[in-house]
Protein backbone atom coordinates (compact mmCIF):
# COMPACT_ATOMS: atom_id res chain seq x y z
CA MET A 1 141.57 130.34 -92.89
CA LYS A 2 139.33 128.03 -90.66
CA LYS A 3 136.31 129.43 -92.26
CA THR A 4 137.80 128.30 -95.80
CA LEU A 5 138.11 125.06 -93.91
CA ALA A 6 134.73 124.67 -92.41
CA LEU A 7 132.95 125.97 -95.99
CA LEU A 8 134.64 122.89 -98.05
CA LEU A 9 133.93 120.94 -94.94
CA CYS A 10 130.15 121.39 -95.40
CA ALA A 11 130.18 121.50 -99.01
CA ALA A 12 131.72 117.79 -98.93
CA MET A 13 128.81 116.55 -96.33
CA LEU A 14 126.30 118.46 -99.21
CA LEU A 15 127.46 116.41 -101.38
CA ALA A 16 127.75 112.75 -99.72
CA LEU A 17 123.89 113.76 -98.72
CA CYS A 18 123.11 114.43 -102.05
CA ALA A 19 124.76 110.77 -103.19
CA CYS A 20 123.01 109.31 -100.79
CA GLY A 21 119.74 110.28 -101.78
CA GLN A 22 120.07 109.55 -105.21
CA SER A 23 120.88 105.78 -104.23
CA ALA A 24 118.10 105.33 -102.25
CA ALA A 25 115.45 106.77 -104.91
CA PRO A 26 113.49 104.14 -107.02
CA ALA A 27 114.67 103.52 -110.41
CA ALA A 28 112.61 105.09 -113.14
CA ALA A 29 109.68 102.55 -114.77
CA ALA A 30 110.58 102.12 -117.91
CA PRO A 31 108.67 103.72 -120.88
CA GLU A 32 105.89 101.53 -122.09
CA ALA A 33 105.95 99.74 -125.43
CA THR A 34 103.67 101.46 -128.06
CA PRO A 35 101.59 98.78 -129.72
CA GLU A 36 101.51 98.01 -133.23
CA PRO A 37 99.14 99.66 -134.94
CA THR A 38 96.12 97.58 -136.28
CA PRO A 39 96.62 97.22 -140.20
CA GLU A 40 93.78 98.54 -142.05
CA PRO A 41 91.59 95.64 -143.84
CA PRO A 42 91.89 95.65 -147.72
CA SER A 43 89.68 98.01 -149.24
CA ILE A 44 86.79 96.44 -151.49
CA ASP A 45 88.79 97.64 -154.44
CA GLU A 46 91.79 95.70 -153.28
CA LEU A 47 89.72 92.49 -152.76
CA ILE A 48 88.22 92.06 -155.77
CA GLU A 49 91.91 93.09 -157.89
CA GLN A 50 93.30 90.12 -155.40
CA GLY A 51 90.26 87.72 -156.16
CA ARG A 52 91.08 89.10 -160.05
CA ALA A 53 94.42 87.89 -159.98
CA TYR A 54 93.26 84.53 -158.52
CA TYR A 55 90.16 83.86 -161.18
CA TYR A 56 91.99 85.21 -164.05
CA GLY A 57 96.13 84.02 -163.20
CA LEU A 58 96.75 87.89 -163.50
CA ASP A 59 99.81 89.30 -161.59
CA GLY A 60 102.33 86.13 -161.66
CA GLN A 61 99.24 84.31 -159.87
CA ASN A 62 98.23 80.76 -160.67
CA GLU A 63 94.36 80.65 -161.12
CA ASP A 64 93.23 79.46 -158.08
CA PRO A 65 89.78 79.55 -157.64
CA ASP A 66 88.80 78.30 -154.32
CA LYS A 67 91.43 81.50 -153.30
CA ALA A 68 89.62 83.55 -155.86
CA THR A 69 85.95 82.81 -154.48
CA GLU A 70 87.45 83.62 -150.47
CA LEU A 71 88.37 87.11 -151.44
CA PHE A 72 85.28 88.02 -153.44
CA GLN A 73 83.24 86.52 -150.62
CA GLN A 74 84.70 89.06 -148.33
CA ALA A 75 84.17 91.80 -151.02
CA ALA A 76 80.60 90.74 -151.06
CA GLU A 77 79.80 90.46 -147.86
CA ARG A 78 80.63 94.69 -147.72
CA GLY A 79 78.34 95.28 -150.70
CA SER A 80 80.60 94.92 -153.85
CA GLY A 81 77.85 93.57 -156.85
CA LEU A 82 81.05 92.71 -159.14
CA ALA A 83 82.38 90.45 -156.14
CA TYR A 84 78.97 88.62 -156.43
CA TRP A 85 78.94 88.56 -160.27
CA TYR A 86 82.39 87.12 -160.49
CA LEU A 87 80.86 84.63 -157.71
CA GLY A 88 78.62 83.57 -159.88
CA ASN A 89 80.68 82.80 -162.17
CA LEU A 90 82.69 80.70 -160.50
CA TYR A 91 79.43 78.56 -158.52
CA THR A 92 78.77 78.02 -162.64
CA ASN A 93 82.00 77.29 -163.63
CA ALA A 94 82.89 74.62 -160.71
CA GLU A 95 80.43 72.01 -162.84
CA ASP A 96 80.84 73.26 -166.38
CA GLU A 97 84.61 72.76 -167.50
CA GLY A 98 85.25 73.20 -170.89
CA GLU A 99 82.89 75.21 -171.40
CA GLU A 100 83.58 76.78 -174.95
CA ASP A 101 84.05 74.67 -178.30
CA ALA A 102 87.45 74.83 -179.89
CA GLU A 103 85.67 75.46 -182.85
CA ASN A 104 82.84 78.04 -182.66
CA THR A 105 83.20 80.08 -179.71
CA LEU A 106 79.66 81.62 -180.35
CA ASP A 107 78.05 78.31 -179.66
CA ALA A 108 78.95 77.29 -176.30
CA ASP A 109 74.96 77.26 -174.83
CA ALA A 110 73.46 73.97 -174.29
CA PRO A 111 69.14 73.80 -173.82
CA ALA A 112 68.67 72.52 -170.36
CA ALA A 113 67.30 69.45 -170.97
CA GLN A 114 71.76 68.78 -171.99
CA LEU A 115 72.62 70.10 -168.43
CA SER A 116 73.39 67.71 -165.49
CA PRO A 117 71.64 67.63 -162.49
CA ALA A 118 74.97 69.14 -160.98
CA GLN A 119 75.46 71.52 -163.67
CA ILE A 120 71.38 72.63 -162.99
CA LYS A 121 72.10 73.14 -159.05
CA ALA A 122 75.34 75.30 -159.63
CA LEU A 123 73.72 77.29 -161.98
CA GLU A 124 70.70 77.57 -159.54
CA LYS A 125 73.53 78.67 -156.85
CA ALA A 126 74.95 81.34 -159.50
CA LEU A 127 71.65 82.63 -159.81
CA GLU A 128 70.96 84.14 -156.65
CA ALA A 129 74.64 85.85 -156.70
CA TYR A 130 73.85 86.98 -159.99
CA ARG A 131 70.59 89.09 -158.94
CA LYS A 132 72.33 89.82 -155.28
CA ALA A 133 74.97 91.63 -157.75
CA SER A 134 71.96 93.21 -159.73
CA ALA A 135 70.38 94.29 -156.82
CA HIS A 136 74.04 96.08 -155.53
CA GLY A 137 73.91 97.71 -158.66
CA CYS A 138 76.28 95.94 -161.16
CA PRO A 139 74.92 95.42 -164.46
CA LEU A 140 76.64 92.22 -165.14
CA GLY A 141 74.32 90.90 -162.86
CA LEU A 142 71.94 91.30 -165.47
CA LEU A 143 73.98 88.91 -168.26
CA GLY A 144 74.31 86.17 -165.65
CA GLU A 145 70.66 86.20 -164.85
CA GLY A 146 69.81 86.24 -168.63
CA LYS A 147 72.15 83.03 -169.03
CA ALA A 148 70.11 81.42 -166.68
CA CYS A 149 66.96 82.56 -168.49
CA GLU A 150 68.65 80.78 -171.63
CA TYR A 151 68.99 77.74 -169.97
CA GLY A 152 66.06 77.46 -168.56
CA VAL A 153 66.98 77.73 -164.61
CA ALA A 154 64.99 81.06 -164.83
CA GLU A 155 61.91 81.70 -166.03
CA GLY A 156 61.23 83.49 -169.65
CA GLY A 157 63.80 81.44 -172.05
CA VAL A 158 65.37 83.76 -174.61
CA ASP A 159 63.17 86.51 -174.96
CA ARG A 160 63.68 87.31 -171.13
CA ALA A 161 67.30 86.94 -171.70
CA ARG A 162 67.58 89.54 -174.39
CA GLU A 163 65.14 92.30 -172.08
CA LEU A 164 67.90 91.75 -169.70
CA TYR A 165 71.05 91.84 -171.84
CA GLU A 166 69.41 95.39 -173.37
CA GLN A 167 68.87 96.63 -170.25
CA ALA A 168 72.31 96.00 -168.86
CA LEU A 169 73.26 97.63 -172.47
CA ALA A 170 71.13 100.55 -171.40
CA GLU A 171 72.95 100.89 -167.79
CA GLY A 172 76.28 101.58 -169.72
CA CYS A 173 77.46 97.66 -169.46
CA ALA A 174 79.75 97.12 -172.99
CA GLU A 175 79.91 93.51 -171.91
CA ALA A 176 75.68 93.21 -173.26
CA ASN A 177 76.70 93.28 -176.62
CA TYR A 178 78.83 90.34 -176.64
CA GLU A 179 75.04 88.66 -175.18
CA LEU A 180 73.81 90.53 -177.59
CA GLY A 181 75.47 89.12 -180.71
CA ARG A 182 75.48 85.82 -179.70
CA LEU A 183 71.73 85.83 -179.48
CA ALA A 184 71.97 87.38 -182.89
CA VAL A 185 74.33 84.48 -184.45
CA ASN A 186 72.70 81.54 -182.37
CA TYR A 187 68.87 82.23 -182.47
CA GLU A 188 68.44 85.12 -185.35
CA LYS A 189 70.97 83.69 -187.71
CA ASP A 190 71.94 87.16 -188.35
CA GLY A 191 76.08 86.86 -188.66
CA ALA A 192 76.18 90.90 -189.66
CA LYS A 193 74.23 91.79 -186.75
CA GLY A 194 76.19 89.92 -184.49
CA GLN A 195 79.75 91.20 -185.99
CA GLU A 196 77.86 95.01 -185.06
CA TYR A 197 77.16 93.67 -181.46
CA LEU A 198 80.75 91.96 -180.90
CA ASN A 199 82.71 94.79 -182.46
CA ALA A 200 81.47 96.89 -179.53
CA ALA A 201 81.85 94.51 -176.83
CA LEU A 202 85.84 95.03 -178.32
CA GLU A 203 84.92 98.36 -175.69
CA SER A 204 84.37 96.05 -172.56
CA GLU A 205 86.59 96.38 -169.60
CA GLU A 206 85.70 93.19 -167.76
CA LEU A 207 88.51 90.61 -169.40
CA PHE A 208 86.00 87.78 -169.12
CA TYR A 209 84.08 89.37 -172.07
CA LEU A 210 87.10 90.39 -173.72
CA ARG A 211 88.37 87.46 -174.55
CA ARG A 212 85.03 86.16 -175.92
CA SER A 213 84.43 88.96 -177.67
CA CYS A 214 87.93 89.02 -179.84
CA ALA A 215 87.64 85.14 -180.28
CA GLY A 216 83.77 85.13 -181.12
CA LEU A 217 84.30 88.09 -183.47
CA GLY A 218 87.37 86.09 -185.44
CA TYR A 219 85.45 83.18 -185.59
CA LEU A 220 82.39 85.09 -187.58
CA TYR A 221 85.16 86.45 -189.88
CA LEU A 222 86.65 83.25 -190.63
CA SER A 223 83.38 81.50 -191.04
CA GLY A 224 80.94 84.39 -192.60
CA GLU A 225 78.85 82.41 -190.29
CA SER A 226 74.78 83.64 -191.01
CA GLY A 227 75.56 85.90 -193.99
CA ALA A 228 78.78 87.47 -191.53
CA GLN A 229 81.60 89.51 -193.21
CA LYS A 230 84.57 87.23 -193.98
CA ASP A 231 88.09 88.81 -193.56
CA PRO A 232 90.45 85.68 -192.22
CA ASP A 233 93.44 88.23 -191.85
CA ARG A 234 91.00 90.05 -188.87
CA THR A 235 90.40 86.77 -187.44
CA VAL A 236 94.51 86.45 -187.37
CA GLU A 237 94.35 89.64 -185.60
CA LEU A 238 91.61 88.81 -183.40
CA TYR A 239 92.36 85.45 -182.63
CA GLU A 240 96.15 86.60 -181.41
CA ARG A 241 94.90 89.51 -179.40
CA ALA A 242 92.31 86.78 -177.63
CA ALA A 243 95.38 84.65 -177.07
CA GLY A 244 97.19 87.57 -175.50
CA LEU A 245 94.33 87.77 -173.36
CA GLY A 246 94.86 84.60 -172.04
CA ASP A 247 92.72 82.32 -174.16
CA ALA A 248 94.72 79.95 -174.97
CA GLY A 249 92.73 77.81 -177.53
CA CYS A 250 92.84 80.75 -179.76
CA TRP A 251 96.44 79.41 -180.19
CA TYR A 252 95.09 76.41 -181.20
CA ARG A 253 92.53 78.07 -183.76
CA LEU A 254 95.48 79.82 -185.38
CA GLY A 255 97.60 76.70 -185.52
CA ARG A 256 94.89 75.05 -187.55
CA MET A 257 94.32 78.04 -189.88
CA PHE A 258 97.78 77.90 -190.66
CA LEU A 259 98.05 74.32 -190.74
CA ASP A 260 94.99 73.48 -193.07
CA GLY A 261 95.32 76.74 -194.92
CA ASP A 262 91.97 77.48 -193.38
CA GLY A 263 91.71 81.40 -195.29
CA VAL A 264 94.95 82.10 -194.89
CA THR A 265 98.01 80.32 -196.89
CA ALA A 266 99.21 77.14 -195.56
CA ASP A 267 102.48 77.98 -193.46
CA ASN A 268 103.51 74.99 -191.20
CA ALA A 269 106.33 76.99 -189.80
CA ARG A 270 103.56 79.41 -188.93
CA ALA A 271 101.49 76.44 -187.73
CA LYS A 272 104.34 75.04 -185.68
CA GLU A 273 105.19 78.71 -183.96
CA TYR A 274 101.41 78.87 -183.12
CA PHE A 275 101.07 75.25 -181.68
CA GLU A 276 104.22 75.87 -179.62
CA LYS A 277 102.88 79.08 -177.82
CA GLY A 278 99.47 77.01 -177.00
CA VAL A 279 101.94 74.31 -175.29
CA GLU A 280 103.38 77.11 -173.43
CA ALA A 281 100.01 78.20 -171.95
CA GLY A 282 99.34 74.80 -171.37
CA GLU A 283 96.77 73.94 -174.43
CA ALA A 284 96.41 70.46 -174.22
CA GLU A 285 94.85 70.55 -178.63
CA CYS A 286 97.63 72.00 -179.23
CA MET A 287 99.97 69.52 -177.50
CA VAL A 288 98.56 66.66 -180.02
CA TYR A 289 98.58 68.57 -183.16
CA LEU A 290 102.45 69.65 -182.72
CA GLY A 291 102.59 65.70 -182.04
CA ASN A 292 101.11 65.38 -185.18
CA MET A 293 103.17 67.90 -187.13
CA TYR A 294 106.18 65.24 -185.68
CA TRP A 295 104.99 62.34 -186.15
CA ASN A 296 103.94 63.08 -189.75
CA GLY A 297 107.33 65.26 -190.26
CA LYS A 298 104.91 67.95 -191.57
CA GLY A 299 107.22 71.14 -191.60
CA VAL A 300 109.67 69.15 -189.14
CA GLU A 301 111.82 66.53 -189.58
CA GLU A 302 109.94 62.99 -188.22
CA ASP A 303 110.30 61.99 -184.88
CA HIS A 304 107.74 59.54 -183.38
CA LEU A 305 109.27 59.72 -180.10
CA THR A 306 108.51 63.36 -180.02
CA ALA A 307 105.52 63.01 -180.92
CA SER A 308 104.35 60.17 -178.79
CA ASP A 309 106.04 62.88 -175.75
CA TYR A 310 103.37 65.07 -176.90
CA TYR A 311 100.71 63.19 -177.43
CA GLU A 312 101.16 61.83 -174.13
CA MET A 313 101.22 65.92 -172.63
CA GLY A 314 97.99 66.57 -174.10
CA ALA A 315 96.49 63.35 -172.80
CA GLU A 316 97.17 64.47 -169.63
CA ALA A 317 96.22 67.61 -170.18
CA GLY A 318 92.67 66.31 -170.75
CA SER A 319 92.74 65.78 -174.79
CA LEU A 320 90.26 63.47 -175.89
CA THR A 321 92.52 62.77 -179.04
CA GLY A 322 95.47 62.69 -177.71
CA MET A 323 93.99 59.60 -175.27
CA CYS A 324 93.06 57.83 -178.45
CA GLN A 325 96.43 58.84 -180.32
CA LEU A 326 98.23 57.12 -177.37
CA GLY A 327 95.60 54.41 -177.15
CA SER A 328 96.44 53.25 -180.82
CA MET A 329 100.28 53.85 -180.54
CA TYR A 330 100.49 51.80 -177.60
CA TYR A 331 97.66 48.99 -179.54
CA TYR A 332 99.89 48.96 -182.81
CA GLY A 333 103.21 48.73 -180.89
CA GLN A 334 104.45 52.22 -182.38
CA VAL A 335 107.22 53.58 -180.51
CA TYR A 336 107.05 51.89 -177.21
CA GLY A 337 106.13 48.50 -178.48
CA ARG A 338 102.40 46.75 -178.39
CA ASN A 339 100.43 46.93 -175.09
CA VAL A 340 97.11 45.92 -175.36
CA ILE A 341 96.00 46.65 -172.09
CA THR A 342 97.80 50.09 -171.73
CA ALA A 343 95.96 50.97 -175.16
CA THR A 344 92.83 49.99 -173.43
CA GLU A 345 93.05 52.15 -170.35
CA TRP A 346 93.71 55.20 -172.58
CA TYR A 347 90.56 54.62 -174.94
CA GLY A 348 88.73 54.13 -171.93
CA GLU A 349 89.35 57.24 -170.47
CA ALA A 350 88.80 58.97 -173.69
CA ALA A 351 85.37 57.17 -173.79
CA GLU A 352 84.53 58.31 -170.03
CA LYS A 353 85.58 61.63 -170.82
CA GLY A 354 83.26 62.10 -173.71
CA ALA A 355 84.87 60.39 -177.01
CA PRO A 356 81.83 59.14 -179.01
CA ILE A 357 81.51 55.58 -179.86
CA GLY A 358 81.18 55.77 -183.44
CA TRP A 359 84.84 56.02 -183.25
CA PHE A 360 86.01 53.21 -181.30
CA ALA A 361 83.09 51.12 -183.46
CA GLN A 362 84.88 52.36 -186.65
CA GLN A 363 88.12 51.51 -185.82
CA GLY A 364 87.26 47.94 -184.09
CA ASN A 365 85.56 46.98 -187.45
CA LYS A 366 87.62 48.21 -189.88
CA SER A 367 91.26 48.53 -188.45
CA ARG A 368 90.63 45.20 -186.68
CA ASN A 369 91.70 47.61 -183.54
CA MET A 370 90.46 44.97 -180.72
CA ALA A 371 91.13 47.57 -177.97
CA ALA A 372 88.67 50.13 -179.40
CA ALA A 373 86.42 47.17 -180.30
CA TYR A 374 86.53 46.30 -176.30
CA THR A 375 85.79 50.25 -175.37
CA ALA A 376 82.72 50.05 -177.67
CA GLY A 377 81.68 47.29 -176.13
CA THR A 378 82.10 48.80 -172.50
CA MET A 379 80.60 51.88 -173.18
CA LEU A 380 77.48 49.64 -174.30
CA ALA A 381 77.49 47.26 -171.04
CA LYS A 382 78.04 50.65 -168.68
CA GLY A 383 76.05 53.07 -170.80
CA VAL A 384 78.86 55.74 -171.48
CA GLY A 385 77.44 58.10 -174.09
CA VAL A 386 74.86 55.92 -175.35
CA ASP A 387 72.21 54.20 -174.17
CA LYS A 388 72.96 51.29 -172.15
CA SER A 389 72.68 47.58 -174.17
CA VAL A 390 73.97 44.41 -172.54
CA GLU A 391 73.01 42.38 -175.91
CA ASP A 392 74.95 44.90 -177.96
CA ALA A 393 78.18 44.90 -175.74
CA LEU A 394 78.12 41.08 -176.21
CA ASP A 395 78.33 40.88 -179.13
CA TRP A 396 80.69 43.39 -179.39
CA PHE A 397 83.07 41.02 -176.74
CA ASN A 398 82.21 37.93 -178.65
CA TYR A 399 83.44 39.39 -181.75
CA ILE A 400 86.90 40.01 -179.92
CA ILE A 401 86.91 36.89 -178.47
CA ASP A 402 86.52 35.26 -182.03
CA ASN A 403 89.06 37.10 -183.56
CA TRP A 404 91.96 37.77 -181.33
CA GLU A 405 94.97 36.10 -181.19
CA ILE A 406 96.01 34.06 -177.93
CA ILE A 407 97.70 36.44 -176.57
CA GLN A 408 95.47 39.30 -177.34
CA VAL A 409 92.64 37.30 -175.65
CA VAL A 410 94.76 36.17 -172.58
CA GLY A 411 95.27 39.94 -172.26
CA PHE A 412 91.57 40.71 -172.65
CA ALA A 413 91.19 38.25 -170.00
CA GLU A 414 93.77 39.85 -167.51
CA MET A 415 91.90 42.78 -167.82
CA THR A 416 88.39 42.07 -167.57
CA ALA A 417 88.82 39.48 -164.18
CA ALA A 418 86.96 42.18 -162.34
CA ASP A 419 83.74 40.74 -164.52
CA SER A 420 82.99 37.52 -164.20
CA GLU A 421 80.82 36.72 -167.36
CA LEU A 422 83.75 38.30 -169.41
CA TYR A 423 86.33 36.66 -167.27
CA ASN A 424 84.55 33.50 -168.25
CA MET A 425 84.05 34.03 -171.84
CA CYS A 426 87.78 34.92 -172.21
CA TYR A 427 88.90 31.46 -170.43
CA ASP A 428 86.49 29.09 -172.32
CA ARG A 429 87.84 30.49 -175.63
CA VAL A 430 91.19 30.24 -174.14
CA TYR A 431 90.60 26.83 -173.40
CA GLU A 432 89.20 26.32 -176.89
CA MET A 433 93.04 27.27 -177.97
CA TYR A 434 94.94 25.55 -176.10
CA GLU A 435 92.81 22.03 -176.49
CA ALA A 436 93.44 23.02 -179.90
CA GLY A 437 97.04 23.28 -179.66
CA ASP A 438 97.03 26.81 -180.81
CA ALA A 439 98.57 27.90 -177.04
CA SER A 440 100.76 25.67 -174.46
CA LEU A 441 99.88 26.57 -171.00
CA PRO A 442 103.27 27.72 -170.22
CA LEU A 443 102.82 30.20 -172.85
CA ILE A 444 99.41 31.32 -171.00
CA LYS A 445 100.66 31.16 -167.46
CA SER A 446 103.58 33.54 -168.74
CA LYS A 447 100.32 36.24 -169.85
CA LEU A 448 98.22 36.26 -166.83
CA SER A 449 98.92 37.33 -163.20
CA LYS A 450 98.87 34.63 -160.44
CA TYR A 451 96.08 35.37 -159.15
CA SER A 452 94.29 34.87 -162.32
CA TYR A 453 96.25 32.45 -163.78
CA SER A 454 95.06 30.50 -160.50
CA THR A 455 91.66 31.65 -161.33
CA MET A 456 91.83 30.25 -164.37
CA ILE A 457 92.49 26.85 -163.64
CA GLN A 458 90.09 26.53 -160.82
CA TYR A 459 87.37 27.32 -163.44
CA TRP A 460 88.63 25.29 -165.92
CA THR A 461 88.35 22.60 -163.32
CA ASP A 462 84.69 23.44 -162.12
CA LYS A 463 83.78 23.29 -165.72
CA GLY A 464 85.34 19.76 -166.01
CA TYR A 465 87.86 20.74 -169.03
CA THR A 466 91.12 18.36 -169.09
CA PHE A 467 94.96 19.90 -168.97
CA GLU A 468 98.02 19.50 -167.80
CA GLU A 469 99.61 21.90 -166.19
């Protein structure tokens, strides 16, 4: 019994000692957190695909040239020739908006003499990128170099350009067929040869060239230019394909074909359908022509308010026709009431963006559209789209002042207040009307801002004119 108790006491003491030892031991250190693995940088192919999405507006992305440039620059720094080619295009397009003509997609190139200094500088920068693309094994770079030769930015002209295009084709670049086809039509005047090249260009893998090949070949089948085979049904097929690939201008061309019966049976409903698709794609001319259909009740119920909405959409999207349509609407008081100043603002924007002076001159003379006449005069005074001629400009301004009614002359004076010479011409004419009893001072005052009215009164006072406020 005693022996058993002793054993139990020893066991208890051992347990106590163990417990004391455990409490005295330092706490175990927490295991260190495993660092997150550094993500692998995107591959060159991934950078190219991401850049293409922003360049073309693919995969749900909006077109974003800046973002595309950033991605292509990363790929180029890692040796991608294709990235250099894209960069060349981006440098060129930055100063070359509206590259392609809405009717003839094979005649988009201007001689170097017609390029602005900014465009020449951009093309010189692009040429460096194209040459790097070629040096890194991308034959598309040869096509960019060839375009620079055609524009006169690089030496050799069209002959050297053709050599470069043929070299690219020999290296397996199907896209070179487009450039060779374009040369055949524009320089050799051989439409059949052009069609042969462009049909081969439909094998292009690069969307930039595939769109252009579809549109250019479609144009040839419609126009039969320079001996090309005519086949309007083939044109419809090709334009639809190009539009589906993102060339919204082809929705406009299709709409015009069926609206005008150009090579096909006129079909207003089908024209409207194509224009509506173009509107969804943001094509400005589709907006304007859909507006025309509503304005004239062609294929739809006549609706001037809806038409004016489409004209404004088109104008804000950059259509010169839309700008002029709005100018005419405001001048003649259609839909929104007459507003000569707003009319002139739209005409002025159209003129600044390249509308020809002949249109404004015709409207000013034949239709007695004085806002259009003022635009023609302003174009001459500033040398916008025409040789500058102050003398001819003053002829237009005198014509306006001699033919406008009092309200219009006062509005013209308000509009030209920043130009002292025109300002004084207008207020001299306003005084003549006041003196002749054609306009009362309260009427004149109601049509001018406080500043312009007080300036006019001061001008009359300084001239010694007599009047009663």
